[in-house]
Amino acid sequence: MMPLTMAKSGETAAIRKIFGKDEVRQHLAELGFVVNSDVTVVSEIAGNLIVQVKDCRIALDKTMANRIMI
């Protein structure tokens, strides 16, 4: 397991675990970040990511992306 920030551009991986407070995990789940779903890194700039999950592109800052384990 590694944080989402370690994934390379174009890489697709399954979400294994999400860390954080209940509110943070709930917010990420509402955006489509749930365990066993696939996430694709579209681009990365200074640790901040643009990812594709469930046919949507979402921007995540480094701290939020570090809470998502793949």
PDB file of N, CA and C in Angstrom:
ATOM      1  N   MET A   1       0.846  -1.188   0.000  1.00  0.00           N
ATOM      2  CA  MET A   1       0.000   0.000   0.000  1.00  0.00           C
ATOM      3  C   MET A   1       0.885   1.241   0.000  1.00  0.00           C
ATOM      4  N   MET A   2       0.466   2.243  -0.769  1.00  0.00           N
ATOM      5  CA  MET A   2       1.193   3.508  -0.814  1.00  0.00           C
ATOM      6  C   MET A   2       0.193   4.635  -1.027  1.00  0.00           C
ATOM      7  N   PRO A   3       0.562   5.869  -0.659  1.00  0.00           N
ATOM      8  CA  PRO A   3      -0.368   6.985  -0.867  1.00  0.00           C
ATOM      9  C   PRO A   3      -0.540   7.283  -2.351  1.00  0.00           C
ATOM     10  N   LEU A   4      -1.670   7.862  -2.689  1.00  0.00           N
ATOM     11  CA  LEU A   4      -1.995   8.199  -4.069  1.00  0.00           C
ATOM     12  C   LEU A   4      -0.958   9.132  -4.683  1.00  0.00           C
ATOM     13  N   THR A   5      -0.303   9.950  -3.864  1.00  0.00           N
ATOM     14  CA  THR A   5       0.701  10.890  -4.373  1.00  0.00           C
ATOM     15  C   THR A   5       1.908  10.176  -4.978  1.00  0.00           C
ATOM     16  N   MET A   6       2.103   8.897  -4.675  1.00  0.00           N
ATOM     17  CA  MET A   6       3.232   8.136  -5.205  1.00  0.00           C
ATOM     18  C   MET A   6       2.948   7.586  -6.605  1.00  0.00           C
ATOM     19  N   ALA A   7       1.696   7.633  -7.056  1.00  0.00           N
ATOM     20  CA  ALA A   7       1.340   7.106  -8.378  1.00  0.00           C
ATOM     21  C   ALA A   7       1.835   8.044  -9.469  1.00  0.00           C
ATOM     22  N   LYS A   8       2.213   7.462 -10.600  1.00  0.00           N
ATOM     23  CA  LYS A   8       2.697   8.242 -11.737  1.00  0.00           C
ATOM     24  C   LYS A   8       1.516   8.673 -12.616  1.00  0.00           C
ATOM     25  N   SER A   9       1.724   9.686 -13.423  1.00  0.00           N
ATOM     26  CA  SER A   9       0.688  10.139 -14.362  1.00  0.00           C
ATOM     27  C   SER A   9       0.322   9.007 -15.313  1.00  0.00           C
ATOM     28  N   GLY A  10      -0.976   8.832 -15.534  1.00  0.00           N
ATOM     29  CA  GLY A  10      -1.461   7.780 -16.409  1.00  0.00           C
ATOM     30  C   GLY A  10      -1.678   6.451 -15.718  1.00  0.00           C
ATOM     31  N   GLU A  11      -1.237   6.327 -14.482  1.00  0.00           N
ATOM     32  CA  GLU A  11      -1.363   5.068 -13.751  1.00  0.00           C
ATOM     33  C   GLU A  11      -2.769   4.929 -13.155  1.00  0.00           C
ATOM     34  N   THR A  12      -3.332   3.729 -13.275  1.00  0.00           N
ATOM     35  CA  THR A  12      -4.631   3.425 -12.671  1.00  0.00           C
ATOM     36  C   THR A  12      -4.413   2.446 -11.534  1.00  0.00           C
ATOM     37  N   ALA A  13      -5.055   2.692 -10.405  1.00  0.00           N
ATOM     38  CA  ALA A  13      -4.912   1.812  -9.243  1.00  0.00           C
ATOM     39  C   ALA A  13      -6.231   1.732  -8.497  1.00  0.00           C
ATOM     40  N   ALA A  14      -6.376   0.682  -7.710  1.00  0.00           N
ATOM     41  CA  ALA A  14      -7.568   0.516  -6.881  1.00  0.00           C
ATOM     42  C   ALA A  14      -7.320   1.148  -5.514  1.00  0.00           C
ATOM     43  N   ILE A  15      -8.326   1.798  -4.982  1.00  0.00           N
ATOM     44  CA  ILE A  15      -8.228   2.404  -3.652  1.00  0.00           C
ATOM     45  C   ILE A  15      -8.328   1.292  -2.615  1.00  0.00           C
ATOM     46  N   ARG A  16      -7.359   1.236  -1.707  1.00  0.00           N
ATOM     47  CA  ARG A  16      -7.319   0.192  -0.674  1.00  0.00           C
ATOM     48  C   ARG A  16      -7.822   0.684   0.684  1.00  0.00           C
ATOM     49  N   LYS A  17      -7.512   1.933   1.035  1.00  0.00           N
ATOM     50  CA  LYS A  17      -7.902   2.457   2.345  1.00  0.00           C
ATOM     51  C   LYS A  17      -7.900   3.972   2.281  1.00  0.00           C
ATOM     52  N   ILE A  18      -8.763   4.593   3.083  1.00  0.00           N
ATOM     53  CA  ILE A  18      -8.814   6.053   3.170  1.00  0.00           C
ATOM     54  C   ILE A  18      -8.696   6.436   4.642  1.00  0.00           C
ATOM     55  N   PHE A  19      -7.717   7.279   4.935  1.00  0.00           N
ATOM     56  CA  PHE A  19      -7.485   7.739   6.302  1.00  0.00           C
ATOM     57  C   PHE A  19      -8.085   9.119   6.513  1.00  0.00           C
ATOM     58  N   GLY A  20      -8.281   9.485   7.776  1.00  0.00           N
ATOM     59  CA  GLY A  20      -8.777  10.813   8.111  1.00  0.00           C
ATOM     60  C   GLY A  20      -9.977  10.739   9.040  1.00  0.00           C
ATOM     61  N   LYS A  21     -10.434  11.911   9.433  1.00  0.00           N
ATOM     62  CA  LYS A  21     -11.622  11.989  10.281  1.00  0.00           C
ATOM     63  C   LYS A  21     -12.848  11.535   9.491  1.00  0.00           C
ATOM     64  N   ASP A  22     -13.925  11.238  10.203  1.00  0.00           N
ATOM     65  CA  ASP A  22     -15.156  10.774   9.565  1.00  0.00           C
ATOM     66  C   ASP A  22     -15.656  11.761   8.519  1.00  0.00           C
ATOM     67  N   GLU A  23     -15.561  13.068   8.817  1.00  0.00           N
ATOM     68  CA  GLU A  23     -16.047  14.078   7.880  1.00  0.00           C
ATOM     69  C   GLU A  23     -15.239  14.062   6.578  1.00  0.00           C
ATOM     70  N   VAL A  24     -13.929  13.896   6.705  1.00  0.00           N
ATOM     71  CA  VAL A  24     -13.061  13.873   5.528  1.00  0.00           C
ATOM     72  C   VAL A  24     -13.348  12.632   4.687  1.00  0.00           C
ATOM     73  N   ARG A  25     -13.458  11.486   5.337  1.00  0.00           N
ATOM     74  CA  ARG A  25     -13.738  10.239   4.611  1.00  0.00           C
ATOM     75  C   ARG A  25     -15.102  10.303   3.929  1.00  0.00           C
ATOM     76  N   GLN A  26     -16.089  10.900   4.596  1.00  0.00           N
ATOM     77  CA  GLN A  26     -17.419  11.043   4.015  1.00  0.00           C
ATOM     78  C   GLN A  26     -17.372  11.956   2.789  1.00  0.00           C
ATOM     79  N   HIS A  27     -16.640  13.054   2.891  1.00  0.00           N
ATOM     80  CA  HIS A  27     -16.514  13.984   1.769  1.00  0.00           C
ATOM     81  C   HIS A  27     -15.867  13.297   0.563  1.00  0.00           C
ATOM     82  N   LEU A  28     -14.796  12.547   0.799  1.00  0.00           N
ATOM     83  CA  LEU A  28     -14.136  11.834  -0.289  1.00  0.00           C
ATOM     84  C   LEU A  28     -15.054  10.766  -0.887  1.00  0.00           C
ATOM     85  N   ALA A  29     -15.835  10.102  -0.050  1.00  0.00           N
ATOM     86  CA  ALA A  29     -16.773   9.089  -0.546  1.00  0.00           C
ATOM     87  C   ALA A  29     -17.832   9.732  -1.444  1.00  0.00           C
ATOM     88  N   GLU A  30     -18.286  10.925  -1.084  1.00  0.00           N
ATOM     89  CA  GLU A  30     -19.272  11.628  -1.906  1.00  0.00           C
ATOM     90  C   GLU A  30     -18.692  12.034  -3.258  1.00  0.00           C
ATOM     91  N   LEU A  31     -17.368  12.224  -3.319  1.00  0.00           N
ATOM     92  CA  LEU A  31     -16.714  12.553  -4.581  1.00  0.00           C
ATOM     93  C   LEU A  31     -16.437  11.307  -5.418  1.00  0.00           C
ATOM     94  N   GLY A  32     -16.614  10.121  -4.829  1.00  0.00           N
ATOM     95  CA  GLY A  32     -16.397   8.873  -5.562  1.00  0.00           C
ATOM     96  C   GLY A  32     -15.205   8.074  -5.104  1.00  0.00           C
ATOM     97  N   PHE A  33     -14.486   8.563  -4.106  1.00  0.00           N
ATOM     98  CA  PHE A  33     -13.319   7.844  -3.595  1.00  0.00           C
ATOM     99  C   PHE A  33     -13.761   6.833  -2.538  1.00  0.00           C
ATOM    100  N   VAL A  34     -14.071   5.627  -2.988  1.00  0.00           N
ATOM    101  CA  VAL A  34     -14.489   4.557  -2.087  1.00  0.00           C
ATOM    102  C   VAL A  34     -13.548   3.371  -2.285  1.00  0.00           C
ATOM    103  N   VAL A  35     -13.430   2.548  -1.255  1.00  0.00           N
ATOM    104  CA  VAL A  35     -12.538   1.393  -1.291  1.00  0.00           C
ATOM    105  C   VAL A  35     -12.936   0.465  -2.437  1.00  0.00           C
ATOM    106  N   ASN A  36     -11.936  -0.052  -3.118  1.00  0.00           N
ATOM    107  CA  ASN A  36     -12.041  -0.972  -4.260  1.00  0.00           C
ATOM    108  C   ASN A  36     -12.464  -0.299  -5.563  1.00  0.00           C
ATOM    109  N   SER A  37     -12.639   1.021  -5.583  1.00  0.00           N
ATOM    110  CA  SER A  37     -12.912   1.686  -6.861  1.00  0.00           C
ATOM    111  C   SER A  37     -11.569   2.075  -7.497  1.00  0.00           C
ATOM    112  N   ASP A  38     -11.567   2.202  -8.817  1.00  0.00           N
ATOM    113  CA  ASP A  38     -10.347   2.560  -9.536  1.00  0.00           C
ATOM    114  C   ASP A  38     -10.201   4.070  -9.629  1.00  0.00           C
ATOM    115  N   VAL A  39      -8.953   4.515  -9.546  1.00  0.00           N
ATOM    116  CA  VAL A  39      -8.633   5.930  -9.684  1.00  0.00           C
ATOM    117  C   VAL A  39      -7.439   6.040 -10.634  1.00  0.00           C
ATOM    118  N   THR A  40      -7.513   7.005 -11.557  1.00  0.00           N
ATOM    119  CA  THR A  40      -6.439   7.214 -12.534  1.00  0.00           C
ATOM    120  C   THR A  40      -5.845   8.592 -12.325  1.00  0.00           C
ATOM    121  N   VAL A  41      -4.526   8.666 -12.228  1.00  0.00           N
ATOM    122  CA  VAL A  41      -3.844   9.949 -12.097  1.00  0.00           C
ATOM    123  C   VAL A  41      -3.726  10.559 -13.493  1.00  0.00           C
ATOM    124  N   VAL A  42      -4.330  11.729 -13.685  1.00  0.00           N
ATOM    125  CA  VAL A  42      -4.285  12.414 -14.973  1.00  0.00           C
ATOM    126  C   VAL A  42      -3.024  13.263 -15.062  1.00  0.00           C
ATOM    127  N   SER A  43      -2.755  14.049 -14.029  1.00  0.00           N
ATOM    128  CA  SER A  43      -1.525  14.845 -13.996  1.00  0.00           C
ATOM    129  C   SER A  43      -1.152  15.172 -12.562  1.00  0.00           C
ATOM    130  N   GLU A  44       0.123  15.562 -12.395  1.00  0.00           N
ATOM    131  CA  GLU A  44       0.651  15.876 -11.066  1.00  0.00           C
ATOM    132  C   GLU A  44       1.547  17.091 -11.176  1.00  0.00           C
ATOM    133  N   ILE A  45       1.300  18.081 -10.299  1.00  0.00           N
ATOM    134  CA  ILE A  45       2.128  19.279 -10.249  1.00  0.00           C
ATOM    135  C   ILE A  45       2.420  19.576  -8.782  1.00  0.00           C
ATOM    136  N   ALA A  46       3.683  19.476  -8.415  1.00  0.00           N
ATOM    137  CA  ALA A  46       4.143  19.767  -7.050  1.00  0.00           C
ATOM    138  C   ALA A  46       3.384  18.972  -5.999  1.00  0.00           C
ATOM    139  N   GLY A  47       3.056  17.731  -6.286  1.00  0.00           N
ATOM    140  CA  GLY A  47       2.354  16.876  -5.325  1.00  0.00           C
ATOM    141  C   GLY A  47       0.851  16.977  -5.397  1.00  0.00           C
ATOM    142  N   ASN A  48       0.332  18.044  -6.004  1.00  0.00           N
ATOM    143  CA  ASN A  48      -1.111  18.181  -6.189  1.00  0.00           C
ATOM    144  C   ASN A  48      -1.519  17.386  -7.418  1.00  0.00           C
ATOM    145  N   LEU A  49      -2.665  16.717  -7.344  1.00  0.00           N
ATOM    146  CA  LEU A  49      -3.063  15.787  -8.390  1.00  0.00           C
ATOM    147  C   LEU A  49      -4.370  16.172  -9.054  1.00  0.00           C
ATOM    148  N   ILE A  50      -4.493  15.823 -10.318  1.00  0.00           N
ATOM    149  CA  ILE A  50      -5.786  15.772 -11.001  1.00  0.00           C
ATOM    150  C   ILE A  50      -6.011  14.292 -11.280  1.00  0.00           C
ATOM    151  N   VAL A  51      -7.104  13.764 -10.759  1.00  0.00           N
ATOM    152  CA  VAL A  51      -7.385  12.342 -10.893  1.00  0.00           C
ATOM    153  C   VAL A  51      -8.740  12.141 -11.552  1.00  0.00           C
ATOM    154  N   GLN A  52      -8.897  10.988 -12.150  1.00  0.00           N
ATOM    155  CA  GLN A  52     -10.181  10.626 -12.736  1.00  0.00           C
ATOM    156  C   GLN A  52     -10.739   9.475 -11.924  1.00  0.00           C
ATOM    157  N   VAL A  53     -11.959   9.671 -11.429  1.00  0.00           N
ATOM    158  CA  VAL A  53     -12.647   8.634 -10.671  1.00  0.00           C
ATOM    159  C   VAL A  53     -14.108   8.665 -11.091  1.00  0.00           C
ATOM    160  N   LYS A  54     -14.625   7.530 -11.489  1.00  0.00           N
ATOM    161  CA  LYS A  54     -16.020   7.390 -11.927  1.00  0.00           C
ATOM    162  C   LYS A  54     -16.403   8.427 -12.980  1.00  0.00           C
ATOM    163  N   ASP A  55     -15.629   8.522 -14.036  1.00  0.00           N
ATOM    164  CA  ASP A  55     -15.896   9.419 -15.168  1.00  0.00           C
ATOM    165  C   ASP A  55     -15.888  10.897 -14.815  1.00  0.00           C
ATOM    166  N   CYS A  56     -15.274  11.271 -13.705  1.00  0.00           N
ATOM    167  CA  CYS A  56     -15.138  12.680 -13.318  1.00  0.00           C
ATOM    168  C   CYS A  56     -13.670  12.974 -13.036  1.00  0.00           C
ATOM    169  N   ARG A  57     -13.256  14.179 -13.383  1.00  0.00           N
ATOM    170  CA  ARG A  57     -11.904  14.614 -13.033  1.00  0.00           C
ATOM    171  C   ARG A  57     -11.986  15.518 -11.822  1.00  0.00           C
ATOM    172  N   ILE A  58     -11.117  15.240 -10.854  1.00  0.00           N
ATOM    173  CA  ILE A  58     -11.151  15.955  -9.584  1.00  0.00           C
ATOM    174  C   ILE A  58      -9.729  16.372  -9.227  1.00  0.00           C
ATOM    175  N   ALA A  59      -9.566  17.599  -8.753  1.00  0.00           N
ATOM    176  CA  ALA A  59      -8.267  18.083  -8.290  1.00  0.00           C
ATOM    177  C   ALA A  59      -8.158  17.844  -6.792  1.00  0.00           C
ATOM    178  N   LEU A  60      -7.027  17.298  -6.384  1.00  0.00           N
ATOM    179  CA  LEU A  60      -6.766  17.046  -4.966  1.00  0.00           C
ATOM    180  C   LEU A  60      -5.449  17.691  -4.576  1.00  0.00           C
ATOM    181  N   ASP A  61      -5.432  18.337  -3.409  1.00  0.00           N
ATOM    182  CA  ASP A  61      -4.156  18.843  -2.936  1.00  0.00           C
ATOM    183  C   ASP A  61      -3.362  17.694  -2.313  1.00  0.00           C
ATOM    184  N   LYS A  62      -2.101  17.966  -2.029  1.00  0.00           N
ATOM    185  CA  LYS A  62      -1.186  16.920  -1.566  1.00  0.00           C
ATOM    186  C   LYS A  62      -1.658  16.274  -0.269  1.00  0.00           C
ATOM    187  N   THR A  63      -2.163  17.050   0.687  1.00  0.00           N
ATOM    188  CA  THR A  63      -2.562  16.475   1.977  1.00  0.00           C
ATOM    189  C   THR A  63      -3.765  15.548   1.821  1.00  0.00           C
ATOM    190  N   MET A  64      -4.707  15.912   0.960  1.00  0.00           N
ATOM    191  CA  MET A  64      -5.881  15.064   0.739  1.00  0.00           C
ATOM    192  C   MET A  64      -5.478  13.794  -0.009  1.00  0.00           C
ATOM    193  N   ALA A  65      -4.619  13.932  -1.002  1.00  0.00           N
ATOM    194  CA  ALA A  65      -4.175  12.771  -1.773  1.00  0.00           C
ATOM    195  C   ALA A  65      -3.366  11.790  -0.912  1.00  0.00           C
ATOM    196  N   ASN A  66      -2.662  12.306   0.084  1.00  0.00           N
ATOM    197  CA  ASN A  66      -1.886  11.433   0.974  1.00  0.00           C
ATOM    198  C   ASN A  66      -2.770  10.576   1.867  1.00  0.00           C
ATOM    199  N   ARG A  67      -4.025  10.940   2.020  1.00  0.00           N
ATOM    200  CA  ARG A  67      -4.957  10.157   2.843  1.00  0.00           C
ATOM    201  C   ARG A  67      -5.548   8.967   2.096  1.00  0.00           C
ATOM    202  N   ILE A  68      -5.380   8.952   0.775  1.00  0.00           N
ATOM    203  CA  ILE A  68      -5.933   7.882  -0.047  1.00  0.00           C
ATOM    204  C   ILE A  68      -4.827   6.880  -0.349  1.00  0.00           C
ATOM    205  N   MET A  69      -4.984   5.652   0.103  1.00  0.00           N
ATOM    206  CA  MET A  69      -3.984   4.615  -0.107  1.00  0.00           C
ATOM    207  C   MET A  69      -4.382   3.699  -1.254  1.00  0.00           C
ATOM    208  N   ILE A  70      -3.396   3.405  -2.108  1.00  0.00           N
ATOM    209  CA  ILE A  70      -3.645   2.508  -3.250  1.00  0.00           C
ATOM    210  C   ILE A  70      -2.766   1.285  -3.132  1.00  0.00           C
TER     211      ILE A  70
END
